[in-house]
Each structure stands twice: as C-alpha cells, then as structure tokens.
Amino acid sequence: MVFQQNSDGILKKCNVLITQGNTLINNTGRDGGAIKWTKDRPFIDLNTTKFVNNTATVYGNDIASFPKAV
C-alpha cells in the first residue's frame, strides 16, 4: 500500500488508519510486502489486521519502514 497526499507539487502529511479486521494477502514488494512507510508510522491495529503470505525481496515480509537506528 502506498499513501501520500500531494497538492500543487508539495508532499503533505497523510494519516493512515488500518483497523476493523483488514486482511492483507499475497502482496509483494522490495521492502514491506504488504505495508511500507517512510516517515510517519500509520496506525495498524495488529489485533484485528491479518497478514497472509506477503513477501518482500529485501526485508519485512509484512511491514517495513526506513531504518531509525543502526
């Protein structure tokens, strides 16, 4: 999933909520097979969200973000 808000060429903050029993199935990506964020972490209700058979070619089969520390 990719979410961004762009207005007149200016990238603006976008809040994302993933709640109420979503299932993310058979997604593939380089980083984060199902979800990747690069700035502000989305709210993901891990108690009701299911991840099934997602794959990433580098890291984070289900969820990935940018590195915060090494």
Protein backbone atom coordinates (compact mmCIF):
# COMPACT_ATOMS: atom_id res chain seq x y z
CA MET A 1 0.00 0.00 0.00
CA VAL A 2 1.23 3.47 -0.78
CA PHE A 3 -0.46 6.54 0.63
CA GLN A 4 0.61 10.10 0.07
CA GLN A 5 -1.06 13.43 -0.27
CA ASN A 6 0.27 15.71 -2.97
CA SER A 7 -1.10 19.20 -3.53
CA ASP A 8 0.41 21.52 -6.14
CA GLY A 9 3.64 19.50 -6.16
CA ILE A 10 4.05 19.72 -2.37
CA LEU A 11 4.03 16.44 -0.46
CA LYS A 12 1.88 16.81 2.65
CA LYS A 13 1.32 14.65 5.71
CA CYS A 14 -1.25 11.91 5.32
CA ASN A 15 -2.67 9.97 8.28
CA VAL A 16 -3.49 6.32 7.65
CA LEU A 17 -5.54 4.08 9.93
CA ILE A 18 -5.72 0.34 9.31
CA THR A 19 -8.40 -1.08 11.58
CA GLN A 20 -11.50 -3.25 11.80
CA GLY A 21 -10.37 -6.62 10.54
CA ASN A 22 -8.44 -5.95 7.34
CA THR A 23 -6.63 -8.86 5.71
CA LEU A 24 -3.60 -8.22 3.50
CA ILE A 25 -2.99 -11.29 1.31
CA ASN A 26 -0.37 -12.26 -1.30
CA ASN A 27 1.32 -8.85 -1.64
CA THR A 28 4.92 -8.47 -2.79
CA GLY A 29 7.36 -5.58 -2.52
CA ARG A 30 11.04 -4.77 -2.18
CA ASP A 31 10.70 -3.55 1.41
CA GLY A 32 7.48 -4.42 3.19
CA GLY A 33 5.48 -6.95 1.26
CA ALA A 34 2.14 -5.56 2.48
CA ILE A 35 2.90 -2.14 4.05
CA LYS A 36 5.87 0.24 3.98
CA TRP A 37 6.08 3.71 5.43
CA THR A 38 8.88 6.22 5.05
CA LYS A 39 8.05 8.99 7.50
CA ASP A 40 5.10 8.87 9.89
CA ARG A 41 4.09 5.45 11.14
CA PRO A 42 0.49 4.54 10.28
CA PHE A 43 -1.80 3.22 12.99
CA ILE A 44 -2.18 -0.52 12.40
CA ASP A 45 -4.44 -2.45 14.72
CA LEU A 46 -2.41 -5.66 14.90
CA ASN A 47 -5.14 -7.35 16.95
CA THR A 48 -7.61 -7.23 14.06
CA THR A 49 -5.38 -6.95 10.97
CA LYS A 50 -4.24 -10.22 9.37
CA PHE A 51 -1.17 -10.68 7.19
CA VAL A 52 -1.20 -13.79 4.97
CA ASN A 53 1.54 -14.91 2.55
CA ASN A 54 3.11 -11.48 1.94
CA THR A 55 6.73 -11.38 0.73
CA ALA A 56 9.48 -8.80 0.45
CA THR A 57 12.61 -9.26 -1.64
CA VAL A 58 14.84 -7.35 0.83
CA TYR A 59 13.16 -7.19 4.27
CA GLY A 60 9.84 -7.03 6.09
CA ASN A 61 7.54 -9.61 4.54
CA ASP A 62 4.51 -7.95 6.13
CA ILE A 63 5.61 -4.49 7.35
CA ALA A 64 8.69 -2.32 6.81
CA SER A 65 9.84 1.24 7.44
CA PHE A 66 13.01 3.23 6.96
CA PRO A 67 15.85 2.42 9.41
CA LYS A 68 15.78 4.58 12.54
CA ALA A 69 19.00 3.25 14.10
CA VAL A 70 21.91 1.02 13.16
